[in-house]
N, C-alpha and C. Protein backbone atom coordinates (compact mmCIF):
# COMPACT_ATOMS: atom_id res chain seq x y z
N MET A 1 1.47 -15.00 30.97
CA MET A 1 0.58 -15.33 30.05
C MET A 1 0.96 -14.82 28.71
N SER A 2 0.72 -15.38 27.34
CA SER A 2 0.94 -14.82 26.02
C SER A 2 -0.21 -14.43 25.68
N TYR A 3 0.03 -13.56 24.43
CA TYR A 3 -0.84 -12.80 23.72
C TYR A 3 -0.66 -13.00 22.14
N THR A 4 -1.12 -13.27 21.29
CA THR A 4 -0.67 -13.28 19.65
C THR A 4 -1.84 -12.90 19.22
N LEU A 5 -1.64 -12.09 18.09
CA LEU A 5 -2.85 -11.57 17.24
C LEU A 5 -2.02 -11.39 15.79
N ARG A 6 -2.60 -12.03 14.84
CA ARG A 6 -2.28 -11.58 13.58
C ARG A 6 -3.62 -11.78 12.95
N GLY A 7 -3.98 -10.59 12.10
CA GLY A 7 -5.14 -10.58 11.39
C GLY A 7 -5.19 -9.22 10.69
N VAL A 8 -6.41 -9.06 9.81
CA VAL A 8 -6.79 -8.17 9.23
C VAL A 8 -7.87 -7.34 9.85
N ILE A 9 -7.80 -6.07 9.91
CA ILE A 9 -8.74 -5.45 10.48
C ILE A 9 -9.36 -4.20 9.52
N GLY A 10 -10.62 -3.85 9.69
CA GLY A 10 -11.36 -2.98 8.82
C GLY A 10 -12.71 -2.94 8.88
N PRO A 11 -13.23 -2.22 7.87
CA PRO A 11 -14.97 -2.37 7.81
C PRO A 11 -15.05 -3.80 7.27
N GLY A 12 -16.28 -4.05 7.60
CA GLY A 12 -17.10 -5.27 7.07
C GLY A 12 -16.85 -5.74 5.82
N ASP A 13 -17.25 -4.99 4.77
CA ASP A 13 -17.10 -5.20 3.46
C ASP A 13 -15.67 -5.60 3.16
N ALA A 14 -14.57 -4.90 3.31
CA ALA A 14 -13.34 -5.02 2.83
C ALA A 14 -12.81 -6.35 3.80
N VAL A 15 -13.06 -6.52 4.94
CA VAL A 15 -12.41 -7.76 5.66
C VAL A 15 -13.08 -8.87 5.31
N ARG A 16 -14.47 -8.82 5.02
CA ARG A 16 -15.10 -10.25 4.18
C ARG A 16 -14.27 -10.46 3.09
N SER A 17 -14.25 -9.51 2.34
CA SER A 17 -13.67 -9.79 1.03
C SER A 17 -12.21 -10.35 0.93
N VAL A 18 -11.54 -10.10 2.24
CA VAL A 18 -10.28 -10.70 2.17
C VAL A 18 -10.40 -12.15 3.04
N GLY A 19 -11.39 -12.24 3.77
CA GLY A 19 -11.54 -13.77 4.13
C GLY A 19 -12.20 -14.61 3.06
N GLU A 20 -12.93 -13.96 2.21
CA GLU A 20 -13.50 -14.89 1.15
C GLU A 20 -12.27 -15.24 0.19
N ASP A 21 -11.70 -14.59 -0.10
CA ASP A 21 -10.37 -14.61 -1.08
C ASP A 21 -9.38 -15.67 -0.62
N LEU A 22 -9.21 -15.58 0.91
CA LEU A 22 -8.34 -16.63 1.55
C LEU A 22 -8.94 -17.70 2.04
N GLY A 23 -10.27 -17.89 2.10
CA GLY A 23 -10.91 -18.97 2.86
C GLY A 23 -10.97 -19.00 4.20
N GLN A 24 -10.83 -17.68 4.70
CA GLN A 24 -10.68 -17.48 6.38
C GLN A 24 -11.87 -16.96 7.04
N ALA A 25 -12.15 -17.54 7.98
CA ALA A 25 -13.35 -16.66 8.93
C ALA A 25 -13.26 -15.26 9.14
N VAL A 26 -14.11 -14.60 9.35
CA VAL A 26 -14.11 -13.11 10.05
C VAL A 26 -14.97 -13.03 11.31
N VAL A 27 -14.83 -12.38 12.02
CA VAL A 27 -15.61 -11.95 13.31
C VAL A 27 -15.66 -10.58 13.52
N GLN A 28 -16.88 -10.19 14.27
CA GLN A 28 -17.19 -8.72 14.39
C GLN A 28 -16.64 -8.44 15.68
N LEU A 29 -15.81 -7.13 15.44
CA LEU A 29 -15.38 -6.72 16.55
C LEU A 29 -16.25 -5.67 17.28
N LYS A 30 -15.57 -4.64 18.14
CA LYS A 30 -16.41 -3.63 18.91
C LYS A 30 -16.57 -2.32 17.60
N ALA A 31 -17.59 -1.73 17.88
CA ALA A 31 -17.80 -0.27 17.14
C ALA A 31 -17.67 -0.57 15.67
N GLY A 32 -18.39 -1.69 15.32
CA GLY A 32 -18.53 -1.98 13.69
C GLY A 32 -17.50 -2.14 12.87
N TRP A 33 -16.32 -2.48 13.75
CA TRP A 33 -14.92 -3.11 12.93
C TRP A 33 -14.88 -4.72 12.70
N TRP A 34 -14.33 -5.27 11.93
CA TRP A 34 -14.25 -6.78 11.78
C TRP A 34 -12.68 -6.89 11.72
N LEU A 35 -12.50 -8.23 11.83
CA LEU A 35 -11.32 -9.27 12.11
C LEU A 35 -11.34 -10.29 11.46
N MET A 36 -10.38 -10.70 10.52
CA MET A 36 -9.98 -11.97 10.00
C MET A 36 -8.65 -12.30 10.51
N PRO A 37 -9.00 -13.21 11.69
CA PRO A 37 -7.60 -13.62 12.38
C PRO A 37 -6.96 -14.40 11.40
N TRP A 38 -5.57 -14.38 11.41
CA TRP A 38 -4.65 -15.18 10.64
C TRP A 38 -3.51 -15.96 11.37
N SER A 39 -3.70 -17.33 11.04
CA SER A 39 -2.75 -17.91 11.91
C SER A 39 -1.64 -18.29 10.99
N PRO A 40 -0.71 -19.02 11.96
CA PRO A 40 0.62 -19.60 10.91
C PRO A 40 0.30 -20.67 10.16
N ASP A 41 -0.77 -21.47 10.45
CA ASP A 41 -1.17 -22.38 9.74
C ASP A 41 -1.85 -21.85 8.46
N ALA A 42 -2.50 -20.92 8.56
CA ALA A 42 -3.20 -20.09 7.38
C ALA A 42 -1.94 -19.85 6.53
N PHE A 43 -0.94 -19.18 7.03
CA PHE A 43 0.05 -18.81 6.38
C PHE A 43 0.75 -19.77 5.35
N ASP A 44 0.82 -21.14 6.53
CA ASP A 44 1.39 -22.21 5.61
C ASP A 44 1.00 -22.90 4.64
N MET A 45 -0.52 -22.97 4.48
CA MET A 45 -1.21 -23.50 3.73
C MET A 45 -1.27 -22.85 2.50
N LEU A 46 -0.49 -21.46 2.14
CA LEU A 46 -0.55 -20.92 1.07
C LEU A 46 0.52 -21.37 0.20
N GLY A 47 1.51 -21.74 1.03
CA GLY A 47 2.74 -22.62 0.07
C GLY A 47 3.66 -21.20 0.24
N PRO A 48 4.59 -21.36 -0.64
CA PRO A 48 5.68 -20.52 -0.87
C PRO A 48 5.25 -18.84 -0.97
N SER A 49 5.63 -18.05 -0.53
CA SER A 49 5.34 -16.63 -0.60
C SER A 49 6.23 -16.10 -1.86
N ASP A 50 6.02 -14.82 -2.46
CA ASP A 50 6.97 -14.38 -3.06
C ASP A 50 7.20 -13.16 -2.54
N GLU A 51 8.73 -13.41 -1.95
CA GLU A 51 9.66 -12.17 -0.97
C GLU A 51 9.31 -11.04 -1.43
N ASP A 52 9.29 -10.62 -2.67
CA ASP A 52 9.22 -9.13 -3.26
C ASP A 52 7.90 -8.77 -3.04
N ALA A 53 6.92 -9.59 -3.05
CA ALA A 53 5.46 -8.92 -2.92
C ALA A 53 5.03 -8.83 -1.30
N GLU A 54 5.96 -9.50 -0.45
CA GLU A 54 5.49 -9.43 1.23
C GLU A 54 5.68 -7.92 1.38
N VAL A 55 5.01 -7.74 2.60
CA VAL A 55 5.12 -6.49 3.45
C VAL A 55 6.54 -6.74 4.36
N ALA A 56 7.69 -6.22 3.83
CA ALA A 56 8.93 -6.30 4.75
C ALA A 56 8.76 -5.85 6.09
N GLY A 57 9.14 -6.65 7.03
CA GLY A 57 9.19 -6.48 8.39
C GLY A 57 8.23 -7.14 9.16
N LEU A 58 7.15 -7.66 8.41
CA LEU A 58 6.03 -8.39 9.28
C LEU A 58 6.32 -10.09 8.82
N HIS A 59 6.33 -10.79 9.80
CA HIS A 59 6.60 -12.03 9.54
C HIS A 59 5.71 -12.86 8.95
N TYR A 60 4.38 -12.53 8.81
CA TYR A 60 3.24 -13.66 8.54
C TYR A 60 2.42 -12.77 7.41
N CYS A 61 2.97 -11.82 7.02
CA CYS A 61 2.30 -10.96 5.65
C CYS A 61 2.77 -11.52 4.27
N HIS A 62 2.11 -12.92 4.12
CA HIS A 62 2.26 -13.67 3.11
C HIS A 62 1.72 -12.70 1.74
N SER A 63 2.59 -12.88 0.40
CA SER A 63 2.25 -12.25 -0.66
C SER A 63 0.87 -12.31 -1.15
N THR A 64 0.35 -13.64 -0.95
CA THR A 64 -1.10 -13.84 -1.27
C THR A 64 -1.93 -12.85 -0.33
N LEU A 65 -1.66 -12.76 0.76
CA LEU A 65 -2.34 -11.82 1.84
C LEU A 65 -2.36 -10.35 1.35
N ALA A 66 -0.99 -10.19 1.36
CA ALA A 66 -0.79 -8.75 0.51
C ALA A 66 -1.60 -8.26 -0.54
N SER A 67 -1.64 -9.22 -1.30
CA SER A 67 -2.24 -8.85 -2.83
C SER A 67 -3.75 -8.96 -2.60
N ALA A 68 -4.48 -9.49 -1.14
CA ALA A 68 -5.99 -9.56 -0.78
C ALA A 68 -6.04 -8.31 -0.43
N LEU A 69 -5.07 -7.91 0.37
CA LEU A 69 -5.21 -6.54 1.16
C LEU A 69 -5.13 -5.64 0.08
N GLN A 70 -4.46 -5.42 -0.98
CA GLN A 70 -4.59 -4.68 -1.86
C GLN A 70 -5.92 -4.30 -2.52
N THR A 71 -6.44 -5.53 -3.14
CA THR A 71 -7.71 -5.53 -3.52
C THR A 71 -8.78 -5.03 -2.69
N ALA A 72 -8.85 -5.41 -1.47
CA ALA A 72 -9.80 -5.12 -0.40
C ALA A 72 -9.72 -3.60 -0.05
N SER A 73 -8.55 -3.07 -0.11
CA SER A 73 -8.46 -1.73 0.17
C SER A 73 -9.01 -0.56 -0.83
N ALA A 74 -9.55 -1.02 -1.91
CA ALA A 74 -10.48 -0.43 -2.88
C ALA A 74 -11.79 -0.13 -2.41
N PHE A 75 -12.33 -1.08 -1.28
CA PHE A 75 -13.62 -0.93 -0.80
C PHE A 75 -13.41 0.23 0.57
N ALA A 76 -12.24 0.10 1.35
CA ALA A 76 -11.95 0.99 2.34
C ALA A 76 -10.42 0.70 2.84
N PRO A 77 -10.18 1.40 3.56
CA PRO A 77 -8.35 1.08 4.18
C PRO A 77 -8.62 -0.11 5.08
N VAL A 78 -7.70 -0.80 5.17
CA VAL A 78 -7.63 -2.11 5.94
C VAL A 78 -6.25 -2.43 6.54
N ALA A 79 -6.04 -2.74 7.74
CA ALA A 79 -4.94 -2.82 8.51
C ALA A 79 -4.56 -4.58 8.54
N TYR A 80 -3.53 -4.82 8.59
CA TYR A 80 -2.99 -6.12 8.68
C TYR A 80 -1.94 -6.02 10.11
N VAL A 81 -2.25 -6.41 11.11
CA VAL A 81 -1.35 -6.38 12.40
C VAL A 81 -0.91 -7.80 13.05
N GLU A 82 0.17 -7.57 13.62
CA GLU A 82 0.77 -8.62 14.35
C GLU A 82 1.32 -8.10 15.52
N ALA A 83 1.06 -9.13 16.74
CA ALA A 83 1.51 -8.71 17.99
C ALA A 83 1.99 -10.14 18.66
N GLU A 84 2.84 -10.15 19.47
CA GLU A 84 3.41 -11.22 20.37
C GLU A 84 3.68 -10.61 21.70
N CYS A 85 3.26 -11.18 22.66
CA CYS A 85 3.43 -10.69 24.24
C CYS A 85 3.66 -11.83 24.82
N TRP A 86 4.62 -11.97 25.85
CA TRP A 86 5.13 -12.90 26.62
C TRP A 86 5.57 -12.39 27.89
N ALA A 87 5.39 -12.64 29.17
CA ALA A 87 5.86 -12.27 30.43
C ALA A 87 5.94 -10.67 30.28
N GLY A 88 4.96 -9.93 29.74
CA GLY A 88 5.14 -8.70 29.91
C GLY A 88 5.92 -7.67 28.69
N GLN A 89 6.57 -8.70 28.11
CA GLN A 89 7.20 -8.11 26.68
C GLN A 89 6.49 -8.47 25.39
N CYS A 90 6.40 -7.22 24.78
CA CYS A 90 5.56 -7.22 23.59
C CYS A 90 6.33 -6.70 22.20
N GLU A 91 6.02 -7.37 21.20
CA GLU A 91 6.33 -6.65 19.87
C GLU A 91 5.24 -6.63 18.98
N HIS A 92 5.05 -5.75 18.24
CA HIS A 92 3.91 -5.39 17.22
C HIS A 92 4.39 -4.84 16.04
N GLY A 93 3.79 -5.01 14.95
CA GLY A 93 3.89 -4.79 13.85
C GLY A 93 2.74 -4.64 12.78
N ALA A 94 2.40 -3.57 11.93
CA ALA A 94 1.25 -3.35 11.21
C ALA A 94 1.51 -2.68 9.85
N VAL A 95 0.51 -2.96 9.15
CA VAL A 95 0.48 -2.30 7.70
C VAL A 95 -0.92 -1.58 7.47
N VAL A 96 -1.06 -0.57 6.63
CA VAL A 96 -2.36 -0.02 6.35
C VAL A 96 -2.25 0.04 4.94
N PHE A 97 -3.42 -0.42 4.28
CA PHE A 97 -3.54 -0.48 2.65
C PHE A 97 -4.56 0.42 2.46
N LYS A 98 -4.39 1.36 1.55
CA LYS A 98 -5.45 2.48 1.25
C LYS A 98 -5.37 2.68 -0.18
N ALA A 99 -6.44 2.28 -0.76
CA ALA A 99 -6.45 2.47 -2.41
C ALA A 99 -5.44 1.67 -3.15
N GLY A 100 -5.19 0.54 -2.59
CA GLY A 100 -4.37 -0.45 -3.41
C GLY A 100 -2.83 -0.25 -3.12
N GLU A 101 -2.67 0.54 -2.07
CA GLU A 101 -1.09 0.51 -1.87
C GLU A 101 -0.85 0.69 -0.37
N PRO A 102 0.43 0.15 0.05
CA PRO A 102 0.46 0.34 1.72
C PRO A 102 0.82 1.88 2.00
N SER A 103 0.21 2.43 2.79
CA SER A 103 0.27 4.15 3.11
C SER A 103 0.72 4.13 4.62
N PHE A 104 0.98 2.91 5.32
CA PHE A 104 1.78 3.09 6.46
C PHE A 104 2.21 1.57 6.99
N VAL A 105 3.50 1.41 7.09
CA VAL A 105 4.28 0.25 7.48
C VAL A 105 4.97 0.36 8.66
N SER A 106 4.70 -0.55 9.63
CA SER A 106 5.65 -0.34 10.86
C SER A 106 6.39 -1.92 11.16
N ASP A 107 7.70 -1.98 11.12
CA ASP A 107 8.46 -3.11 11.12
C ASP A 107 7.76 -3.66 12.54
N PHE A 108 8.01 -5.01 12.44
CA PHE A 108 7.78 -5.86 13.52
C PHE A 108 8.71 -5.88 14.75
N GLY A 109 8.46 -5.37 16.01
CA GLY A 109 9.61 -5.09 17.10
C GLY A 109 9.08 -4.84 18.14
N PRO A 110 9.70 -4.45 19.29
CA PRO A 110 9.55 -4.18 20.48
C PRO A 110 8.97 -2.87 20.76
N ILE A 111 7.80 -2.87 21.70
CA ILE A 111 7.18 -1.62 21.86
C ILE A 111 7.45 -1.26 23.18
N LEU A 112 7.33 0.19 23.46
CA LEU A 112 7.17 0.44 24.89
C LEU A 112 5.80 0.73 25.21
N PRO A 113 5.36 0.54 26.50
CA PRO A 113 3.97 0.85 27.01
C PRO A 113 3.41 2.08 26.31
N PRO A 114 2.09 1.83 25.76
CA PRO A 114 1.56 3.35 25.06
C PRO A 114 1.15 4.33 25.95
N ARG A 115 1.36 5.53 25.32
CA ARG A 115 0.93 6.65 26.40
C ARG A 115 0.55 7.72 25.22
N PRO A 116 0.01 8.74 25.54
CA PRO A 116 -0.16 9.70 24.92
C PRO A 116 0.94 10.29 23.85
N GLY A 117 0.71 10.47 22.75
CA GLY A 117 1.82 10.92 21.95
C GLY A 117 2.57 9.90 21.62
N ARG A 118 2.50 8.47 22.09
CA ARG A 118 3.41 7.23 21.62
C ARG A 118 2.47 6.16 21.23
N PRO A 119 1.69 5.97 20.35
CA PRO A 119 0.76 4.87 20.24
C PRO A 119 1.86 3.68 19.90
N THR A 120 0.96 2.30 19.76
CA THR A 120 1.73 1.34 19.63
C THR A 120 1.39 1.21 18.05
N PRO A 121 2.40 0.59 17.39
CA PRO A 121 2.14 0.18 15.78
C PRO A 121 0.53 -0.06 15.49
N ILE A 122 0.07 -0.73 16.15
CA ILE A 122 -1.30 -1.25 16.01
C ILE A 122 -2.43 -0.27 16.33
N SER A 123 -2.01 0.41 17.24
CA SER A 123 -3.04 1.77 17.31
C SER A 123 -2.85 2.62 16.35
N GLU A 124 -1.68 2.93 16.03
CA GLU A 124 -1.21 3.71 15.16
C GLU A 124 -2.13 3.30 13.95
N ALA A 125 -2.03 2.19 13.36
CA ALA A 125 -2.58 1.62 11.96
C ALA A 125 -4.08 1.69 12.13
N LEU A 126 -4.65 1.29 13.18
CA LEU A 126 -6.10 1.50 13.54
C LEU A 126 -6.67 2.89 13.35
N ALA A 127 -5.86 3.84 14.01
CA ALA A 127 -6.20 5.11 13.86
C ALA A 127 -6.19 5.59 12.42
N ARG A 128 -5.30 5.08 11.32
CA ARG A 128 -5.24 5.58 10.27
C ARG A 128 -6.36 5.01 9.32
N ILE A 129 -6.95 3.81 9.93
CA ILE A 129 -8.16 3.22 9.21
C ILE A 129 -9.53 3.81 9.58
N GLY A 130 -9.49 4.75 10.74
CA GLY A 130 -10.58 5.52 11.08
C GLY A 130 -11.21 4.93 12.45
N VAL A 131 -10.53 4.12 13.38
CA VAL A 131 -10.98 3.64 14.59
C VAL A 131 -10.76 4.96 15.59
N GLU A 132 -11.54 5.35 16.29
CA GLU A 132 -11.68 6.48 17.00
C GLU A 132 -11.61 5.85 18.73
N VAL A 133 -10.91 6.81 19.57
CA VAL A 133 -10.88 6.45 20.79
C VAL A 133 -12.07 7.02 21.49
N GLY A 134 -12.71 6.00 22.30
CA GLY A 134 -13.66 6.74 23.03
C GLY A 134 -13.35 6.95 24.48
N ASP A 135 -14.33 7.84 25.28
CA ASP A 135 -14.01 8.12 26.60
C ASP A 135 -13.57 7.05 27.73
N SER A 136 -14.24 5.85 27.42
CA SER A 136 -14.12 4.80 28.23
C SER A 136 -12.78 3.94 27.79
N VAL A 137 -12.03 4.27 26.98
CA VAL A 137 -10.96 3.14 26.75
C VAL A 137 -9.68 3.74 26.54
N ILE A 138 -8.49 3.15 26.43
CA ILE A 138 -7.17 3.61 26.63
C ILE A 138 -6.85 4.26 25.13
N ASP A 139 -7.27 3.52 24.12
CA ASP A 139 -6.35 3.51 22.72
C ASP A 139 -7.12 2.78 21.60
N GLU A 140 -6.95 2.72 20.45
CA GLU A 140 -7.53 2.27 19.34
C GLU A 140 -7.84 0.89 19.78
N PHE A 141 -6.64 0.20 19.93
CA PHE A 141 -6.56 -1.34 20.19
C PHE A 141 -7.91 -1.70 21.24
N ASP A 142 -7.88 -0.82 22.12
CA ASP A 142 -9.07 -1.15 23.37
C ASP A 142 -10.09 -0.78 22.72
N SER A 143 -10.42 0.17 21.95
CA SER A 143 -11.80 0.62 21.29
C SER A 143 -12.43 -0.37 20.38
N VAL A 144 -11.59 -1.24 19.76
CA VAL A 144 -12.07 -2.41 18.76
C VAL A 144 -12.07 -3.70 19.66
N GLY A 145 -11.49 -3.81 20.89
CA GLY A 145 -11.72 -5.27 21.74
C GLY A 145 -10.74 -6.03 21.36
N LEU A 146 -9.58 -5.64 21.18
CA LEU A 146 -8.36 -6.78 20.84
C LEU A 146 -8.15 -7.49 21.84
N GLY A 147 -8.61 -7.09 23.11
CA GLY A 147 -7.90 -7.53 24.23
C GLY A 147 -8.73 -8.95 24.76
N VAL A 148 -10.00 -8.96 23.90
CA VAL A 148 -10.87 -9.93 24.49
C VAL A 148 -10.55 -11.43 24.42
N CYS A 149 -9.77 -11.62 23.22
CA CYS A 149 -9.20 -13.00 22.98
C CYS A 149 -7.76 -13.09 22.92
N ARG A 150 -7.02 -14.30 23.50
CA ARG A 150 -5.48 -13.93 23.42
C ARG A 150 -4.72 -14.69 22.46
N HIS A 151 -5.71 -15.49 21.39
CA HIS A 151 -4.90 -16.06 20.29
C HIS A 151 -5.95 -16.15 19.06
N ALA A 152 -5.46 -16.28 17.87
CA ALA A 152 -6.17 -16.25 17.00
C ALA A 152 -7.09 -17.24 16.70
N GLU A 153 -6.91 -18.47 17.30
CA GLU A 153 -7.67 -19.75 17.23
C GLU A 153 -8.91 -19.39 18.00
N ASP A 154 -8.77 -18.30 19.37
CA ASP A 154 -9.77 -17.89 20.28
C ASP A 154 -10.80 -17.32 19.77
N TRP A 155 -10.46 -16.32 18.61
CA TRP A 155 -11.17 -15.38 17.76
C TRP A 155 -12.45 -16.31 17.27
N VAL A 156 -11.70 -17.33 16.44
CA VAL A 156 -12.75 -18.10 15.29
C VAL A 156 -13.56 -18.96 16.45
N LEU A 157 -13.11 -19.48 17.60
CA LEU A 157 -14.04 -20.04 18.41
C LEU A 157 -15.16 -19.28 19.13
N SER A 158 -14.66 -18.03 19.30
CA SER A 158 -15.67 -16.96 19.99
C SER A 158 -16.86 -17.02 18.87
N ARG A 159 -16.51 -16.87 17.58
CA ARG A 159 -17.51 -16.48 16.53
C ARG A 159 -18.81 -17.80 16.72
N LYS A 160 -18.29 -18.99 17.14
CA LYS A 160 -19.22 -20.27 17.09
C LYS A 160 -20.07 -20.17 18.19
N ASN A 161 -19.61 -19.25 19.27
CA ASN A 161 -20.72 -19.40 20.50
C ASN A 161 -21.76 -18.52 20.42
């Protein structure tokens, strides 16, 4: 089975701001966090990206998206995350924007299974925006429920149900 995730995660006001700027739907996650799913089609609809303004190392962080993240991070820290998994092999990458600047950037690449002291790039990014790990979950990724849907399109469909 495959799993893909590309999207903006953060508090509601900040994520809704990015969604409004880019004309994208947002969905509520667990524990009061929000997600704006980001598909390759949404990336392509923006047209050419200014490579100098992209977040290096992330495949779908278009310069227009990076600009929206900068603006939204004036409200609160926000994370943009990418994950692709197939047959047990996973690659993750993430960036966190705080106060208009990238404060954490992880290149997109292979990850090892998470364990204490070695978070995945997505869990590290989520921790940096304030996601906490509860007693009944494995990590920040699980805390917000990112395993509920397997693809960006599924998140949008789940919003309509």
